[in-house]
Amino acid sequence: MGPIDRTELRRAYRPDEEQVAKERVDQARLGPAELGEAAATARALVKGVRAHKPSGVDAFLHAYDLGSDEGIAMMCLAEALLRIPDAHTADELIADKLSGPDWSEKLGRSGSAFVNAATFSLLLTGKVLEGAQDRSDNWKAAWSKRRSAATRRARAARARSTSIATGSSRSCPRRGGSRPLGIEARLPA
């Protein structure tokens, strides 16, 4: 085996950029036969896609495209639900997005049973959420009151168990005397 000729390799090291770009463009040009074949393939693919009747999720996405208020609401909901860390905020977002659009406009207008069932479900959910929003202030206030009472009871129980475990009878001066000093005294009320 003789010495390796590296002339081409050395010539390709740090070549002139314009020259290389011109060579690659020339290499990428299609001949008339290749261009005709590519165009025919593209036409066949487009006709096939247009002739295909969407079903299932495809039909749903077609019915609720981003050109409609409903489609925008669904897209915002799907995107935002990926980022929401807690169930309460997710519930509020769902209520906000589903109670706004008029889902009845698309009810029964699709040839897909899946889309019609989904539309009916969205319509029903929107109506339930609209009715619930009227009562939500009362419900939220009651829930908040119940949660804060449960939190106070849990803190008091922890304070008693800490007092018993440490044998401490000293109290927290900033709370008026009923809370023992120690770890619990440093926790916010």
C-alpha atoms as a PDB file:
ATOM      1  CA  MET A   1       0.000   0.000   0.000  1.00  0.00           C
ATOM      2  CA  GLY A   2       1.466   3.316  -1.084  1.00  0.00           C
ATOM      3  CA  PRO A   3       1.299   6.753   0.457  1.00  0.00           C
ATOM      4  CA  ILE A   4      -2.140   8.362   0.823  1.00  0.00           C
ATOM      5  CA  ASP A   5      -2.818  11.317  -1.461  1.00  0.00           C
ATOM      6  CA  ARG A   6      -4.228  14.124   0.704  1.00  0.00           C
ATOM      7  CA  THR A   7      -4.327  16.804  -1.956  1.00  0.00           C
ATOM      8  CA  GLU A   8      -8.163  16.937  -2.086  1.00  0.00           C
ATOM      9  CA  LEU A   9      -8.375  16.979   1.700  1.00  0.00           C
ATOM     10  CA  ARG A  10      -5.939  19.893   1.965  1.00  0.00           C
ATOM     11  CA  ARG A  11      -7.798  21.812  -0.723  1.00  0.00           C
ATOM     12  CA  ALA A  12     -11.097  21.338   1.161  1.00  0.00           C
ATOM     13  CA  TYR A  13      -9.614  22.806   4.368  1.00  0.00           C
ATOM     14  CA  ARG A  14     -11.002  26.334   4.924  1.00  0.00           C
ATOM     15  CA  PRO A  15     -12.272  26.869   1.372  1.00  0.00           C
ATOM     16  CA  ASP A  16     -13.778  30.097   0.059  1.00  0.00           C
ATOM     17  CA  GLU A  17     -17.376  30.212   1.353  1.00  0.00           C
ATOM     18  CA  GLU A  18     -18.895  31.754  -1.778  1.00  0.00           C
ATOM     19  CA  GLN A  19     -17.300  29.115  -3.990  1.00  0.00           C
ATOM     20  CA  VAL A  20     -18.573  26.267  -1.801  1.00  0.00           C
ATOM     21  CA  ALA A  21     -22.088  27.758  -1.664  1.00  0.00           C
ATOM     22  CA  LYS A  22     -22.178  28.075  -5.482  1.00  0.00           C
ATOM     23  CA  GLU A  23     -21.031  24.450  -5.875  1.00  0.00           C
ATOM     24  CA  ARG A  24     -23.711  23.172  -3.445  1.00  0.00           C
ATOM     25  CA  VAL A  25     -26.470  25.161  -5.181  1.00  0.00           C
ATOM     26  CA  ASP A  26     -25.403  23.733  -8.527  1.00  0.00           C
ATOM     27  CA  GLN A  27     -25.398  20.217  -7.046  1.00  0.00           C
ATOM     28  CA  ALA A  28     -28.887  20.697  -5.586  1.00  0.00           C
ATOM     29  CA  ARG A  29     -30.518  21.774  -8.874  1.00  0.00           C
ATOM     30  CA  LEU A  30     -32.907  19.221 -10.250  1.00  0.00           C
ATOM     31  CA  GLY A  31     -32.930  18.264 -13.870  1.00  0.00           C
ATOM     32  CA  PRO A  32     -36.149  18.524 -15.907  1.00  0.00           C
ATOM     33  CA  ALA A  33     -37.014  14.836 -15.402  1.00  0.00           C
ATOM     34  CA  GLU A  34     -36.385  14.936 -11.622  1.00  0.00           C
ATOM     35  CA  LEU A  35     -38.302  18.209 -11.293  1.00  0.00           C
ATOM     36  CA  GLY A  36     -41.318  16.753 -13.120  1.00  0.00           C
ATOM     37  CA  GLU A  37     -41.269  13.633 -10.944  1.00  0.00           C
ATOM     38  CA  ALA A  38     -41.064  15.700  -7.732  1.00  0.00           C
ATOM     39  CA  ALA A  39     -43.980  17.907  -8.841  1.00  0.00           C
ATOM     40  CA  ALA A  40     -46.107  14.855  -9.722  1.00  0.00           C
ATOM     41  CA  THR A  41     -45.393  13.270  -6.328  1.00  0.00           C
ATOM     42  CA  ALA A  42     -46.282  16.519  -4.545  1.00  0.00           C
ATOM     43  CA  ARG A  43     -49.580  16.793  -6.463  1.00  0.00           C
ATOM     44  CA  ALA A  44     -50.501  13.190  -5.616  1.00  0.00           C
ATOM     45  CA  LEU A  45     -49.750  13.757  -1.931  1.00  0.00           C
ATOM     46  CA  VAL A  46     -51.806  16.952  -1.765  1.00  0.00           C
ATOM     47  CA  LYS A  47     -54.772  15.301  -3.533  1.00  0.00           C
ATOM     48  CA  GLY A  48     -54.559  12.331  -1.158  1.00  0.00           C
ATOM     49  CA  VAL A  49     -54.562  14.541   1.920  1.00  0.00           C
ATOM     50  CA  ARG A  50     -57.456  16.643   0.622  1.00  0.00           C
ATOM     51  CA  ALA A  51     -59.493  13.535  -0.256  1.00  0.00           C
ATOM     52  CA  HIS A  52     -58.945  11.985   3.190  1.00  0.00           C
ATOM     53  CA  LYS A  53     -61.927  12.597   5.450  1.00  0.00           C
ATOM     54  CA  PRO A  54     -60.658  13.399   8.961  1.00  0.00           C
ATOM     55  CA  SER A  55     -61.950  11.313  11.842  1.00  0.00           C
ATOM     56  CA  GLY A  56     -61.470  11.227  15.589  1.00  0.00           C
ATOM     57  CA  VAL A  57     -59.023  13.796  16.905  1.00  0.00           C
ATOM     58  CA  ASP A  58     -58.255  15.000  13.355  1.00  0.00           C
ATOM     59  CA  ALA A  59     -61.930  15.807  12.857  1.00  0.00           C
ATOM     60  CA  PHE A  60     -62.023  17.551  16.235  1.00  0.00           C
ATOM     61  CA  LEU A  61     -59.009  19.697  15.332  1.00  0.00           C
ATOM     62  CA  HIS A  62     -60.593  20.459  11.961  1.00  0.00           C
ATOM     63  CA  ALA A  63     -63.901  21.490  13.575  1.00  0.00           C
ATOM     64  CA  TYR A  64     -62.202  23.648  16.213  1.00  0.00           C
ATOM     65  CA  ASP A  65     -59.463  25.334  14.230  1.00  0.00           C
ATOM     66  CA  LEU A  66     -57.651  28.437  15.442  1.00  0.00           C
ATOM     67  CA  GLY A  67     -59.900  30.629  13.317  1.00  0.00           C
ATOM     68  CA  SER A  68     -62.733  30.178  15.821  1.00  0.00           C
ATOM     69  CA  ASP A  69     -63.222  31.382  19.390  1.00  0.00           C
ATOM     70  CA  GLU A  70     -63.795  27.806  20.490  1.00  0.00           C
ATOM     71  CA  GLY A  71     -60.559  26.627  18.871  1.00  0.00           C
ATOM     72  CA  ILE A  72     -58.571  29.407  20.499  1.00  0.00           C
ATOM     73  CA  ALA A  73     -60.125  28.584  23.888  1.00  0.00           C
ATOM     74  CA  MET A  74     -59.218  24.904  23.481  1.00  0.00           C
ATOM     75  CA  MET A  75     -55.649  25.721  22.406  1.00  0.00           C
ATOM     76  CA  CYS A  76     -55.146  28.132  25.325  1.00  0.00           C
ATOM     77  CA  LEU A  77     -56.572  25.573  27.724  1.00  0.00           C
ATOM     78  CA  ALA A  78     -54.375  22.737  26.459  1.00  0.00           C
ATOM     79  CA  GLU A  79     -51.238  24.854  26.531  1.00  0.00           C
ATOM     80  CA  ALA A  80     -51.891  26.365  29.956  1.00  0.00           C
ATOM     81  CA  LEU A  81     -52.852  23.082  31.642  1.00  0.00           C
ATOM     82  CA  LEU A  82     -49.333  21.810  30.971  1.00  0.00           C
ATOM     83  CA  ARG A  83     -47.906  24.586  33.153  1.00  0.00           C
ATOM     84  CA  ILE A  84     -50.393  24.749  36.043  1.00  0.00           C
ATOM     85  CA  PRO A  85     -49.033  23.088  39.190  1.00  0.00           C
ATOM     86  CA  ASP A  86     -52.194  22.768  41.309  1.00  0.00           C
ATOM     87  CA  ALA A  87     -55.681  21.390  40.787  1.00  0.00           C
ATOM     88  CA  HIS A  88     -57.505  24.469  42.105  1.00  0.00           C
ATOM     89  CA  THR A  89     -55.937  26.790  39.519  1.00  0.00           C
ATOM     90  CA  ALA A  90     -56.537  24.193  36.789  1.00  0.00           C
ATOM     91  CA  ASP A  91     -60.220  24.021  37.751  1.00  0.00           C
ATOM     92  CA  GLU A  92     -60.544  27.796  37.602  1.00  0.00           C
ATOM     93  CA  LEU A  93     -58.837  27.913  34.198  1.00  0.00           C
ATOM     94  CA  ILE A  94     -61.134  25.203  32.826  1.00  0.00           C
ATOM     95  CA  ALA A  95     -64.169  27.073  34.140  1.00  0.00           C
ATOM     96  CA  ASP A  96     -62.936  30.316  32.586  1.00  0.00           C
ATOM     97  CA  LYS A  97     -62.151  28.856  29.156  1.00  0.00           C
ATOM     98  CA  LEU A  98     -65.133  26.525  28.757  1.00  0.00           C
ATOM     99  CA  SER A  99     -67.857  28.859  30.002  1.00  0.00           C
ATOM    100  CA  GLY A 100     -67.023  31.622  27.504  1.00  0.00           C
ATOM    101  CA  PRO A 101     -67.506  30.280  23.948  1.00  0.00           C
ATOM    102  CA  ASP A 102     -70.890  29.423  22.448  1.00  0.00           C
ATOM    103  CA  TRP A 103     -70.480  25.671  21.935  1.00  0.00           C
ATOM    104  CA  SER A 104     -74.044  25.296  20.618  1.00  0.00           C
ATOM    105  CA  GLU A 105     -73.051  26.850  17.251  1.00  0.00           C
ATOM    106  CA  LYS A 106     -71.194  23.672  16.283  1.00  0.00           C
ATOM    107  CA  LEU A 107     -73.536  21.164  17.891  1.00  0.00           C
ATOM    108  CA  GLY A 108     -74.537  18.465  15.380  1.00  0.00           C
ATOM    109  CA  ARG A 109     -72.780  20.140  12.431  1.00  0.00           C
ATOM    110  CA  SER A 110     -69.979  17.605  12.050  1.00  0.00           C
ATOM    111  CA  GLY A 111     -70.141  14.327  10.183  1.00  0.00           C
ATOM    112  CA  SER A 112     -68.078  12.779  12.983  1.00  0.00           C
ATOM    113  CA  ALA A 113     -69.892  11.255  15.946  1.00  0.00           C
ATOM    114  CA  PHE A 114     -66.767  11.892  18.038  1.00  0.00           C
ATOM    115  CA  VAL A 115     -66.838  15.630  17.303  1.00  0.00           C
ATOM    116  CA  ASN A 116     -70.582  15.870  17.957  1.00  0.00           C
ATOM    117  CA  ALA A 117     -70.223  14.020  21.285  1.00  0.00           C
ATOM    118  CA  ALA A 118     -67.265  16.207  22.282  1.00  0.00           C
ATOM    119  CA  THR A 119     -69.192  19.341  21.321  1.00  0.00           C
ATOM    120  CA  PHE A 120     -72.185  18.244  23.398  1.00  0.00           C
ATOM    121  CA  SER A 121     -69.872  17.528  26.342  1.00  0.00           C
ATOM    122  CA  LEU A 122     -68.246  20.952  26.013  1.00  0.00           C
ATOM    123  CA  LEU A 123     -71.668  22.628  25.769  1.00  0.00           C
ATOM    124  CA  LEU A 124     -72.937  20.789  28.851  1.00  0.00           C
ATOM    125  CA  THR A 125     -69.752  21.551  30.807  1.00  0.00           C
ATOM    126  CA  GLY A 126     -69.945  25.217  29.839  1.00  0.00           C
ATOM    127  CA  LYS A 127     -73.567  25.461  31.019  1.00  0.00           C
ATOM    128  CA  VAL A 128     -72.783  23.731  34.317  1.00  0.00           C
ATOM    129  CA  LEU A 129     -69.811  26.013  34.892  1.00  0.00           C
ATOM    130  CA  GLU A 130     -71.832  29.147  34.096  1.00  0.00           C
ATOM    131  CA  GLY A 131     -74.398  28.123  36.733  1.00  0.00           C
ATOM    132  CA  ALA A 132     -71.670  27.247  39.214  1.00  0.00           C
ATOM    133  CA  GLN A 133     -69.996  30.629  38.824  1.00  0.00           C
ATOM    134  CA  ASP A 134     -73.114  32.295  40.201  1.00  0.00           C
ATOM    135  CA  ARG A 135     -72.722  30.263  43.398  1.00  0.00           C
ATOM    136  CA  SER A 136     -68.923  30.116  43.400  1.00  0.00           C
ATOM    137  CA  ASP A 137     -68.391  33.095  45.693  1.00  0.00           C
ATOM    138  CA  ASN A 138     -70.514  31.484  48.409  1.00  0.00           C
ATOM    139  CA  TRP A 139     -68.844  28.112  47.872  1.00  0.00           C
ATOM    140  CA  LYS A 140     -65.326  29.577  47.840  1.00  0.00           C
ATOM    141  CA  ALA A 141     -65.970  31.586  50.997  1.00  0.00           C
ATOM    142  CA  ALA A 142     -67.313  28.522  52.819  1.00  0.00           C
ATOM    143  CA  TRP A 143     -64.413  26.386  51.640  1.00  0.00           C
ATOM    144  CA  SER A 144     -61.874  29.026  52.638  1.00  0.00           C
ATOM    145  CA  LYS A 145     -63.447  29.372  56.113  1.00  0.00           C
ATOM    146  CA  ARG A 146     -63.417  25.592  56.567  1.00  0.00           C
ATOM    147  CA  ARG A 147     -59.789  25.279  55.417  1.00  0.00           C
ATOM    148  CA  SER A 148     -58.580  28.081  57.701  1.00  0.00           C
ATOM    149  CA  ALA A 149     -60.377  26.513  60.705  1.00  0.00           C
ATOM    150  CA  ALA A 150     -58.781  23.141  59.929  1.00  0.00           C
ATOM    151  CA  THR A 151     -55.371  24.797  59.608  1.00  0.00           C
ATOM    152  CA  ARG A 152     -55.788  26.509  62.992  1.00  0.00           C
ATOM    153  CA  ARG A 153     -56.793  23.206  64.629  1.00  0.00           C
ATOM    154  CA  ALA A 154     -53.783  21.417  63.097  1.00  0.00           C
ATOM    155  CA  ARG A 155     -51.372  24.113  64.280  1.00  0.00           C
ATOM    156  CA  ALA A 156     -52.828  24.023  67.765  1.00  0.00           C
ATOM    157  CA  ALA A 157     -52.473  20.229  67.871  1.00  0.00           C
ATOM    158  CA  ARG A 158     -48.828  20.475  66.738  1.00  0.00           C
ATOM    159  CA  ALA A 159     -48.188  23.145  69.366  1.00  0.00           C
ATOM    160  CA  ARG A 160     -49.673  20.942  72.107  1.00  0.00           C
ATOM    161  CA  SER A 161     -47.648  17.900  70.991  1.00  0.00           C
ATOM    162  CA  THR A 162     -44.440  19.965  70.875  1.00  0.00           C
ATOM    163  CA  SER A 163     -45.187  21.396  74.336  1.00  0.00           C
ATOM    164  CA  ILE A 164     -45.774  17.923  75.760  1.00  0.00           C
ATOM    165  CA  ALA A 165     -42.692  16.434  74.040  1.00  0.00           C
ATOM    166  CA  THR A 166     -40.334  19.198  75.181  1.00  0.00           C
ATOM    167  CA  GLY A 167     -41.878  19.754  78.555  1.00  0.00           C
ATOM    168  CA  SER A 168     -41.915  23.444  77.838  1.00  0.00           C
ATOM    169  CA  SER A 169     -44.492  25.667  79.396  1.00  0.00           C
ATOM    170  CA  ARG A 170     -43.010  28.904  78.104  1.00  0.00           C
ATOM    171  CA  SER A 171     -45.296  30.742  75.755  1.00  0.00           C
ATOM    172  CA  CYS A 172     -44.826  32.902  72.725  1.00  0.00           C
ATOM    173  CA  PRO A 173     -45.044  36.546  73.791  1.00  0.00           C
ATOM    174  CA  ARG A 174     -46.192  37.856  70.405  1.00  0.00           C
ATOM    175  CA  ARG A 175     -49.267  35.584  70.347  1.00  0.00           C
ATOM    176  CA  GLY A 176     -50.594  36.413  73.774  1.00  0.00           C
ATOM    177  CA  GLY A 177     -49.247  33.463  75.694  1.00  0.00           C
ATOM    178  CA  SER A 178     -50.866  30.289  74.394  1.00  0.00           C
ATOM    179  CA  ARG A 179     -48.206  29.063  71.987  1.00  0.00           C
ATOM    180  CA  PRO A 180     -45.067  27.296  73.289  1.00  0.00           C
ATOM    181  CA  LEU A 181     -41.641  28.522  72.245  1.00  0.00           C
ATOM    182  CA  GLY A 182     -39.515  26.259  70.091  1.00  0.00           C
ATOM    183  CA  ILE A 183     -39.854  25.218  66.456  1.00  0.00           C
ATOM    184  CA  GLU A 184     -43.570  26.031  66.389  1.00  0.00           C
ATOM    185  CA  ALA A 185     -42.948  29.561  67.683  1.00  0.00           C
ATOM    186  CA  ARG A 186     -40.901  30.328  64.589  1.00  0.00           C
ATOM    187  CA  LEU A 187     -43.589  29.188  62.140  1.00  0.00           C
ATOM    188  CA  PRO A 188     -45.910  31.844  60.705  1.00  0.00           C
ATOM    189  CA  ALA A 189     -49.403  31.883  62.122  1.00  0.00           C
END
